[in-house]
Amino acid sequence: MESALAQPVRLIEYPSDLSGCDSLQVGDRQLLYLRSQTDSTQFVVVLGFYAGQKEDVVTKDLIEPVHESGREEIACRLAPECGQAHIFFL
């Protein structure tokens, strides 16, 4: 018998310092990404959507990775911001 429950969302725990990240508003969600700082080979690492904070021993930001089905759309939305940079997703 198959489960009718939705798959749980996998969240990445990130140290509570997103000051180096750029962000892009996608609907009602905030997409976080990092751009390379070198001039030779430009690339972008898409962390995912900001999903709140978790208080453990230290405070951590929670990030929901971009699902496979939404990656092409996100890459197109980042193109004007990032030019011809290679885009990588976590």
PDB file of N, CA and C in Angstrom:
ATOM      1  N   MET A   1       0.832  -1.173   0.000  1.00  0.00           N
ATOM      2  CA  MET A   1       0.000   0.000   0.000  1.00  0.00           C
ATOM      3  C   MET A   1       0.885   1.248   0.000  1.00  0.00           C
ATOM      4  N   GLU A   2       0.646   2.143  -0.935  1.00  0.00           N
ATOM      5  CA  GLU A   2       1.451   3.356  -1.042  1.00  0.00           C
ATOM      6  C   GLU A   2       0.954   4.411  -0.068  1.00  0.00           C
ATOM      7  N   SER A   3       1.877   5.166   0.422  1.00  0.00           N
ATOM      8  CA  SER A   3       1.534   6.236   1.350  1.00  0.00           C
ATOM      9  C   SER A   3       1.020   7.447   0.581  1.00  0.00           C
ATOM     10  N   ALA A   4      -0.057   8.022   1.049  1.00  0.00           N
ATOM     11  CA  ALA A   4      -0.621   9.215   0.415  1.00  0.00           C
ATOM     12  C   ALA A   4      -0.040  10.489   1.010  1.00  0.00           C
ATOM     13  N   LEU A   5       0.861  10.342   1.961  1.00  0.00           N
ATOM     14  CA  LEU A   5       1.457  11.514   2.593  1.00  0.00           C
ATOM     15  C   LEU A   5       2.475  12.162   1.674  1.00  0.00           C
ATOM     16  N   ALA A   6       2.561  13.466   1.741  1.00  0.00           N
ATOM     17  CA  ALA A   6       3.560  14.200   0.952  1.00  0.00           C
ATOM     18  C   ALA A   6       4.949  13.909   1.508  1.00  0.00           C
ATOM     19  N   GLN A   7       5.916  13.931   0.622  1.00  0.00           N
ATOM     20  CA  GLN A   7       7.299  13.737   1.036  1.00  0.00           C
ATOM     21  C   GLN A   7       7.723  14.908   1.921  1.00  0.00           C
ATOM     22  N   PRO A   8       8.450  14.635   3.005  1.00  0.00           N
ATOM     23  CA  PRO A   8       8.901  15.741   3.859  1.00  0.00           C
ATOM     24  C   PRO A   8       9.902  16.624   3.113  1.00  0.00           C
ATOM     25  N   VAL A   9       9.864  17.902   3.413  1.00  0.00           N
ATOM     26  CA  VAL A   9      10.781  18.850   2.789  1.00  0.00           C
ATOM     27  C   VAL A   9      12.128  18.740   3.489  1.00  0.00           C
ATOM     28  N   ARG A  10      13.178  18.601   2.696  1.00  0.00           N
ATOM     29  CA  ARG A  10      14.536  18.533   3.240  1.00  0.00           C
ATOM     30  C   ARG A  10      15.043  19.963   3.385  1.00  0.00           C
ATOM     31  N   LEU A  11      15.441  20.327   4.588  1.00  0.00           N
ATOM     32  CA  LEU A  11      15.958  21.668   4.835  1.00  0.00           C
ATOM     33  C   LEU A  11      17.448  21.606   5.133  1.00  0.00           C
ATOM     34  N   ILE A  12      18.167  22.585   4.632  1.00  0.00           N
ATOM     35  CA  ILE A  12      19.595  22.716   4.893  1.00  0.00           C
ATOM     36  C   ILE A  12      19.751  23.681   6.061  1.00  0.00           C
ATOM     37  N   GLU A  13      20.543  23.299   7.046  1.00  0.00           N
ATOM     38  CA  GLU A  13      20.832  24.198   8.164  1.00  0.00           C
ATOM     39  C   GLU A  13      22.088  24.983   7.820  1.00  0.00           C
ATOM     40  N   TYR A  14      21.998  26.293   7.885  1.00  0.00           N
ATOM     41  CA  TYR A  14      23.082  27.185   7.483  1.00  0.00           C
ATOM     42  C   TYR A  14      23.378  28.103   8.663  1.00  0.00           C
ATOM     43  N   PRO A  15      24.650  28.350   8.983  1.00  0.00           N
ATOM     44  CA  PRO A  15      24.956  29.270  10.090  1.00  0.00           C
ATOM     45  C   PRO A  15      24.216  30.593   9.909  1.00  0.00           C
ATOM     46  N   SER A  16      23.753  31.151  10.985  1.00  0.00           N
ATOM     47  CA  SER A  16      22.903  32.340  10.925  1.00  0.00           C
ATOM     48  C   SER A  16      23.685  33.582  10.498  1.00  0.00           C
ATOM     49  N   ASP A  17      24.180  33.569   9.283  1.00  0.00           N
ATOM     50  CA  ASP A  17      24.868  34.729   8.726  1.00  0.00           C
ATOM     51  C   ASP A  17      24.733  34.664   7.215  1.00  0.00           C
ATOM     52  N   LEU A  18      23.644  35.181   6.719  1.00  0.00           N
ATOM     53  CA  LEU A  18      23.386  35.172   5.283  1.00  0.00           C
ATOM     54  C   LEU A  18      23.760  36.500   4.643  1.00  0.00           C
ATOM     55  N   SER A  19      24.597  37.284   5.324  1.00  0.00           N
ATOM     56  CA  SER A  19      24.947  38.618   4.838  1.00  0.00           C
ATOM     57  C   SER A  19      25.694  38.585   3.509  1.00  0.00           C
ATOM     58  N   GLY A  20      26.389  37.500   3.208  1.00  0.00           N
ATOM     59  CA  GLY A  20      27.119  37.401   1.948  1.00  0.00           C
ATOM     60  C   GLY A  20      26.278  36.916   0.789  1.00  0.00           C
ATOM     61  N   CYS A  21      25.022  36.585   1.058  1.00  0.00           N
ATOM     62  CA  CYS A  21      24.137  36.052   0.020  1.00  0.00           C
ATOM     63  C   CYS A  21      23.399  37.172  -0.702  1.00  0.00           C
ATOM     64  N   ASP A  22      23.158  36.951  -1.977  1.00  0.00           N
ATOM     65  CA  ASP A  22      22.243  37.798  -2.728  1.00  0.00           C
ATOM     66  C   ASP A  22      20.879  37.128  -2.648  1.00  0.00           C
ATOM     67  N   SER A  23      19.831  37.876  -2.914  1.00  0.00           N
ATOM     68  CA  SER A  23      18.498  37.274  -2.874  1.00  0.00           C
ATOM     69  C   SER A  23      17.659  37.774  -4.037  1.00  0.00           C
ATOM     70  N   LEU A  24      16.666  36.970  -4.377  1.00  0.00           N
ATOM     71  CA  LEU A  24      15.741  37.279  -5.460  1.00  0.00           C
ATOM     72  C   LEU A  24      14.355  36.885  -4.973  1.00  0.00           C
ATOM     73  N   GLN A  25      13.395  37.781  -5.095  1.00  0.00           N
ATOM     74  CA  GLN A  25      12.033  37.476  -4.678  1.00  0.00           C
ATOM     75  C   GLN A  25      11.367  36.648  -5.769  1.00  0.00           C
ATOM     76  N   VAL A  26      10.886  35.456  -5.413  1.00  0.00           N
ATOM     77  CA  VAL A  26      10.192  34.562  -6.341  1.00  0.00           C
ATOM     78  C   VAL A  26       8.819  34.294  -5.734  1.00  0.00           C
ATOM     79  N   GLY A  27       7.816  34.976  -6.238  1.00  0.00           N
ATOM     80  CA  GLY A  27       6.488  34.880  -5.629  1.00  0.00           C
ATOM     81  C   GLY A  27       6.546  35.457  -4.226  1.00  0.00           C
ATOM     82  N   ASP A  28       6.124  34.667  -3.248  1.00  0.00           N
ATOM     83  CA  ASP A  28       6.169  35.131  -1.858  1.00  0.00           C
ATOM     84  C   ASP A  28       7.366  34.559  -1.108  1.00  0.00           C
ATOM     85  N   ARG A  29       8.342  34.017  -1.849  1.00  0.00           N
ATOM     86  CA  ARG A  29       9.509  33.386  -1.228  1.00  0.00           C
ATOM     87  C   ARG A  29      10.790  34.118  -1.612  1.00  0.00           C
ATOM     88  N   GLN A  30      11.791  34.000  -0.758  1.00  0.00           N
ATOM     89  CA  GLN A  30      13.079  34.656  -0.983  1.00  0.00           C
ATOM     90  C   GLN A  30      14.111  33.595  -1.364  1.00  0.00           C
ATOM     91  N   LEU A  31      14.636  33.692  -2.589  1.00  0.00           N
ATOM     92  CA  LEU A  31      15.656  32.770  -3.079  1.00  0.00           C
ATOM     93  C   LEU A  31      17.034  33.318  -2.717  1.00  0.00           C
ATOM     94  N   LEU A  32      17.863  32.493  -2.108  1.00  0.00           N
ATOM     95  CA  LEU A  32      19.209  32.905  -1.701  1.00  0.00           C
ATOM     96  C   LEU A  32      20.246  32.271  -2.621  1.00  0.00           C
ATOM     97  N   TYR A  33      21.229  33.072  -3.038  1.00  0.00           N
ATOM     98  CA  TYR A  33      22.294  32.558  -3.892  1.00  0.00           C
ATOM     99  C   TYR A  33      23.582  33.324  -3.637  1.00  0.00           C
ATOM    100  N   LEU A  34      24.686  32.702  -4.016  1.00  0.00           N
ATOM    101  CA  LEU A  34      26.014  33.303  -3.875  1.00  0.00           C
ATOM    102  C   LEU A  34      26.631  33.450  -5.252  1.00  0.00           C
ATOM    103  N   ARG A  35      27.274  34.575  -5.495  1.00  0.00           N
ATOM    104  CA  ARG A  35      27.974  34.803  -6.767  1.00  0.00           C
ATOM    105  C   ARG A  35      29.469  34.748  -6.537  1.00  0.00           C
ATOM    106  N   SER A  36      30.192  34.243  -7.538  1.00  0.00           N
ATOM    107  CA  SER A  36      31.653  34.219  -7.436  1.00  0.00           C
ATOM    108  C   SER A  36      32.165  35.652  -7.462  1.00  0.00           C
ATOM    109  N   GLN A  37      33.279  35.861  -6.812  1.00  0.00           N
ATOM    110  CA  GLN A  37      33.855  37.198  -6.735  1.00  0.00           C
ATOM    111  C   GLN A  37      35.055  37.362  -7.664  1.00  0.00           C
ATOM    112  N   THR A  38      35.341  36.353  -8.475  1.00  0.00           N
ATOM    113  CA  THR A  38      36.476  36.435  -9.391  1.00  0.00           C
ATOM    114  C   THR A  38      36.000  36.872 -10.767  1.00  0.00           C
ATOM    115  N   ASP A  39      36.898  37.426 -11.548  1.00  0.00           N
ATOM    116  CA  ASP A  39      36.544  37.884 -12.885  1.00  0.00           C
ATOM    117  C   ASP A  39      36.740  36.812 -13.946  1.00  0.00           C
ATOM    118  N   SER A  40      37.547  35.801 -13.663  1.00  0.00           N
ATOM    119  CA  SER A  40      37.877  34.812 -14.690  1.00  0.00           C
ATOM    120  C   SER A  40      36.691  33.911 -15.033  1.00  0.00           C
ATOM    121  N   THR A  41      36.306  33.037 -14.151  1.00  0.00           N
ATOM    122  CA  THR A  41      35.183  32.135 -14.394  1.00  0.00           C
ATOM    123  C   THR A  41      34.071  32.486 -13.428  1.00  0.00           C
ATOM    124  N   GLN A  42      33.003  33.049 -13.953  1.00  0.00           N
ATOM    125  CA  GLN A  42      31.910  33.448 -13.077  1.00  0.00           C
ATOM    126  C   GLN A  42      30.940  32.292 -12.885  1.00  0.00           C
ATOM    127  N   PHE A  43      30.487  32.125 -11.648  1.00  0.00           N
ATOM    128  CA  PHE A  43      29.499  31.095 -11.358  1.00  0.00           C
ATOM    129  C   PHE A  43      28.589  31.564 -10.233  1.00  0.00           C
ATOM    130  N   VAL A  44      27.451  30.910 -10.127  1.00  0.00           N
ATOM    131  CA  VAL A  44      26.452  31.205  -9.104  1.00  0.00           C
ATOM    132  C   VAL A  44      26.088  29.892  -8.432  1.00  0.00           C
ATOM    133  N   VAL A  45      26.018  29.898  -7.110  1.00  0.00           N
ATOM    134  CA  VAL A  45      25.548  28.733  -6.359  1.00  0.00           C
ATOM    135  C   VAL A  45      24.212  29.118  -5.731  1.00  0.00           C
ATOM    136  N   VAL A  46      23.156  28.436  -6.163  1.00  0.00           N
ATOM    137  CA  VAL A  46      21.823  28.689  -5.627  1.00  0.00           C
ATOM    138  C   VAL A  46      21.649  27.832  -4.380  1.00  0.00           C
ATOM    139  N   LEU A  47      21.484  28.490  -3.237  1.00  0.00           N
ATOM    140  CA  LEU A  47      21.300  27.766  -1.978  1.00  0.00           C
ATOM    141  C   LEU A  47      19.879  27.234  -1.856  1.00  0.00           C
ATOM    142  N   GLY A  48      18.904  28.055  -2.169  1.00  0.00           N
ATOM    143  CA  GLY A  48      17.506  27.648  -2.066  1.00  0.00           C
ATOM    144  C   GLY A  48      16.662  28.759  -1.472  1.00  0.00           C
ATOM    145  N   PHE A  49      15.472  28.393  -1.018  1.00  0.00           N
ATOM    146  CA  PHE A  49      14.520  29.356  -0.482  1.00  0.00           C
ATOM    147  C   PHE A  49      14.660  29.470   1.031  1.00  0.00           C
ATOM    148  N   TYR A  50      14.683  30.697   1.516  1.00  0.00           N
ATOM    149  CA  TYR A  50      14.754  30.928   2.959  1.00  0.00           C
ATOM    150  C   TYR A  50      13.501  30.338   3.605  1.00  0.00           C
ATOM    151  N   ALA A  51      13.687  29.552   4.681  1.00  0.00           N
ATOM    152  CA  ALA A  51      12.556  28.862   5.314  1.00  0.00           C
ATOM    153  C   ALA A  51      12.487  29.111   6.818  1.00  0.00           C
ATOM    154  N   GLY A  52      13.104  30.163   7.313  1.00  0.00           N
ATOM    155  CA  GLY A  52      13.022  30.483   8.734  1.00  0.00           C
ATOM    156  C   GLY A  52      14.308  30.187   9.478  1.00  0.00           C
ATOM    157  N   GLN A  53      14.199  30.123  10.801  1.00  0.00           N
ATOM    158  CA  GLN A  53      15.367  29.870  11.643  1.00  0.00           C
ATOM    159  C   GLN A  53      15.083  28.750  12.627  1.00  0.00           C
ATOM    160  N   LYS A  54      16.170  28.143  13.090  1.00  0.00           N
ATOM    161  CA  LYS A  54      16.090  27.070  14.081  1.00  0.00           C
ATOM    162  C   LYS A  54      17.041  27.426  15.210  1.00  0.00           C
ATOM    163  N   GLU A  55      16.546  27.341  16.421  1.00  0.00           N
ATOM    164  CA  GLU A  55      17.374  27.623  17.590  1.00  0.00           C
ATOM    165  C   GLU A  55      17.857  26.292  18.144  1.00  0.00           C
ATOM    166  N   ASP A  56      19.149  26.070  18.081  1.00  0.00           N
ATOM    167  CA  ASP A  56      19.776  24.864  18.621  1.00  0.00           C
ATOM    168  C   ASP A  56      20.731  25.378  19.692  1.00  0.00           C
ATOM    169  N   VAL A  57      21.940  24.905  19.700  1.00  0.00           N
ATOM    170  CA  VAL A  57      22.974  25.505  20.540  1.00  0.00           C
ATOM    171  C   VAL A  57      23.267  26.900  19.997  1.00  0.00           C
ATOM    172  N   VAL A  58      23.238  27.012  18.676  1.00  0.00           N
ATOM    173  CA  VAL A  58      23.370  28.303  17.999  1.00  0.00           C
ATOM    174  C   VAL A  58      22.159  28.468  17.089  1.00  0.00           C
ATOM    175  N   THR A  59      21.901  29.690  16.666  1.00  0.00           N
ATOM    176  CA  THR A  59      20.801  29.936  15.737  1.00  0.00           C
ATOM    177  C   THR A  59      21.260  29.602  14.326  1.00  0.00           C
ATOM    178  N   LYS A  60      20.422  28.881  13.594  1.00  0.00           N
ATOM    179  CA  LYS A  60      20.741  28.506  12.216  1.00  0.00           C
ATOM    180  C   LYS A  60      19.597  28.943  11.311  1.00  0.00           C
ATOM    181  N   ASP A  61      19.951  29.398  10.113  1.00  0.00           N
ATOM    182  CA  ASP A  61      18.939  29.692   9.108  1.00  0.00           C
ATOM    183  C   ASP A  61      18.606  28.391   8.401  1.00  0.00           C
ATOM    184  N   LEU A  62      17.341  28.228   8.033  1.00  0.00           N
ATOM    185  CA  LEU A  62      16.899  27.035   7.323  1.00  0.00           C
ATOM    186  C   LEU A  62      16.635  27.397   5.871  1.00  0.00           C
ATOM    187  N   ILE A  63      17.151  26.575   4.963  1.00  0.00           N
ATOM    188  CA  ILE A  63      17.030  26.834   3.536  1.00  0.00           C
ATOM    189  C   ILE A  63      16.453  25.595   2.864  1.00  0.00           C
ATOM    190  N   GLU A  64      15.399  25.794   2.063  1.00  0.00           N
ATOM    191  CA  GLU A  64      14.789  24.702   1.306  1.00  0.00           C
ATOM    192  C   GLU A  64      15.393  24.686  -0.100  1.00  0.00           C
ATOM    193  N   PRO A  65      16.053  23.594  -0.483  1.00  0.00           N
ATOM    194  CA  PRO A  65      16.652  23.530  -1.817  1.00  0.00           C
ATOM    195  C   PRO A  65      15.593  23.662  -2.918  1.00  0.00           C
ATOM    196  N   VAL A  66      16.021  24.124  -4.084  1.00  0.00           N
ATOM    197  CA  VAL A  66      15.131  24.240  -5.237  1.00  0.00           C
ATOM    198  C   VAL A  66      14.932  22.840  -5.813  1.00  0.00           C
ATOM    199  N   HIS A  67      13.680  22.455  -6.017  1.00  0.00           N
ATOM    200  CA  HIS A  67      13.382  21.138  -6.579  1.00  0.00           C
ATOM    201  C   HIS A  67      13.814  21.072  -8.043  1.00  0.00           C
ATOM    202  N   GLU A  68      14.113  19.878  -8.511  1.00  0.00           N
ATOM    203  CA  GLU A  68      14.547  19.657  -9.898  1.00  0.00           C
ATOM    204  C   GLU A  68      13.612  20.343 -10.892  1.00  0.00           C
ATOM    205  N   SER A  69      12.314  20.234 -10.661  1.00  0.00           N
ATOM    206  CA  SER A  69      11.334  20.758 -11.612  1.00  0.00           C
ATOM    207  C   SER A  69      11.358  22.283 -11.722  1.00  0.00           C
ATOM    208  N   GLY A  70      11.878  22.977 -10.728  1.00  0.00           N
ATOM    209  CA  GLY A  70      11.888  24.434 -10.758  1.00  0.00           C
ATOM    210  C   GLY A  70      13.219  25.058 -11.119  1.00  0.00           C
ATOM    211  N   ARG A  71      14.224  24.233 -11.359  1.00  0.00           N
ATOM    212  CA  ARG A  71      15.571  24.773 -11.584  1.00  0.00           C
ATOM    213  C   ARG A  71      15.708  25.561 -12.879  1.00  0.00           C
ATOM    214  N   GLU A  72      15.069  25.115 -13.944  1.00  0.00           N
ATOM    215  CA  GLU A  72      15.181  25.829 -15.221  1.00  0.00           C
ATOM    216  C   GLU A  72      14.562  27.220 -15.111  1.00  0.00           C
ATOM    217  N   GLU A  73      13.412  27.309 -14.463  1.00  0.00           N
ATOM    218  CA  GLU A  73      12.756  28.604 -14.275  1.00  0.00           C
ATOM    219  C   GLU A  73      13.627  29.544 -13.441  1.00  0.00           C
ATOM    220  N   ILE A  74      14.220  29.028 -12.377  1.00  0.00           N
ATOM    221  CA  ILE A  74      15.085  29.844 -11.520  1.00  0.00           C
ATOM    222  C   ILE A  74      16.307  30.316 -12.305  1.00  0.00           C
ATOM    223  N   ALA A  75      16.901  29.434 -13.100  1.00  0.00           N
ATOM    224  CA  ALA A  75      18.065  29.812 -13.910  1.00  0.00           C
ATOM    225  C   ALA A  75      17.703  30.945 -14.871  1.00  0.00           C
ATOM    226  N   CYS A  76      16.521  30.892 -15.466  1.00  0.00           N
ATOM    227  CA  CYS A  76      16.077  31.960 -16.370  1.00  0.00           C
ATOM    228  C   CYS A  76      15.869  33.275 -15.621  1.00  0.00           C
ATOM    229  N   ARG A  77      15.359  33.199 -14.409  1.00  0.00           N
ATOM    230  CA  ARG A  77      15.138  34.417 -13.619  1.00  0.00           C
ATOM    231  C   ARG A  77      16.446  35.027 -13.145  1.00  0.00           C
ATOM    232  N   LEU A  78      17.469  34.191 -12.951  1.00  0.00           N
ATOM    233  CA  LEU A  78      18.770  34.701 -12.510  1.00  0.00           C
ATOM    234  C   LEU A  78      19.602  35.244 -13.674  1.00  0.00           C
ATOM    235  N   ALA A  79      19.296  34.852 -14.895  1.00  0.00           N
ATOM    236  CA  ALA A  79      20.100  35.241 -16.057  1.00  0.00           C
ATOM    237  C   ALA A  79      20.317  36.750 -16.165  1.00  0.00           C
ATOM    238  N   PRO A  80      19.286  37.594 -16.028  1.00  0.00           N
ATOM    239  CA  PRO A  80      19.534  39.037 -16.121  1.00  0.00           C
ATOM    240  C   PRO A  80      20.482  39.548 -15.033  1.00  0.00           C
ATOM    241  N   GLU A  81      20.417  38.949 -13.853  1.00  0.00           N
ATOM    242  CA  GLU A  81      21.267  39.357 -12.730  1.00  0.00           C
ATOM    243  C   GLU A  81      22.705  38.880 -12.897  1.00  0.00           C
ATOM    244  N   CYS A  82      22.870  37.693 -13.459  1.00  0.00           N
ATOM    245  CA  CYS A  82      24.168  37.019 -13.417  1.00  0.00           C
ATOM    246  C   CYS A  82      24.829  36.836 -14.774  1.00  0.00           C
ATOM    247  N   GLY A  83      24.220  37.318 -15.828  1.00  0.00           N
ATOM    248  CA  GLY A  83      24.835  37.219 -17.147  1.00  0.00           C
ATOM    249  C   GLY A  83      25.057  35.786 -17.588  1.00  0.00           C
ATOM    250  N   GLN A  84      26.262  35.499 -18.058  1.00  0.00           N
ATOM    251  CA  GLN A  84      26.596  34.180 -18.592  1.00  0.00           C
ATOM    252  C   GLN A  84      27.229  33.260 -17.557  1.00  0.00           C
ATOM    253  N   ALA A  85      27.077  33.559 -16.299  1.00  0.00           N
ATOM    254  CA  ALA A  85      27.685  32.744 -15.242  1.00  0.00           C
ATOM    255  C   ALA A  85      27.084  31.342 -15.235  1.00  0.00           C
ATOM    256  N   HIS A  86      27.898  30.353 -14.882  1.00  0.00           N
ATOM    257  CA  HIS A  86      27.410  28.989 -14.703  1.00  0.00           C
ATOM    258  C   HIS A  86      26.604  28.959 -13.410  1.00  0.00           C
ATOM    259  N   ILE A  87      25.454  28.279 -13.435  1.00  0.00           N
ATOM    260  CA  ILE A  87      24.582  28.233 -12.265  1.00  0.00           C
ATOM    261  C   ILE A  87      24.550  26.814 -11.720  1.00  0.00           C
ATOM    262  N   PHE A  88      24.846  26.687 -10.429  1.00  0.00           N
ATOM    263  CA  PHE A  88      24.844  25.395  -9.741  1.00  0.00           C
ATOM    264  C   PHE A  88      23.801  25.438  -8.631  1.00  0.00           C
ATOM    265  N   PHE A  89      23.134  24.314  -8.402  1.00  0.00           N
ATOM    266  CA  PHE A  89      22.118  24.206  -7.357  1.00  0.00           C
ATOM    267  C   PHE A  89      22.571  23.217  -6.299  1.00  0.00           C
ATOM    268  N   LEU A  90      22.283  23.512  -5.024  1.00  0.00           N
ATOM    269  CA  LEU A  90      22.548  22.554  -3.946  1.00  0.00           C
ATOM    270  C   LEU A  90      21.499  21.476  -3.976  1.00  0.00           C
TER     271      LEU A  90
END
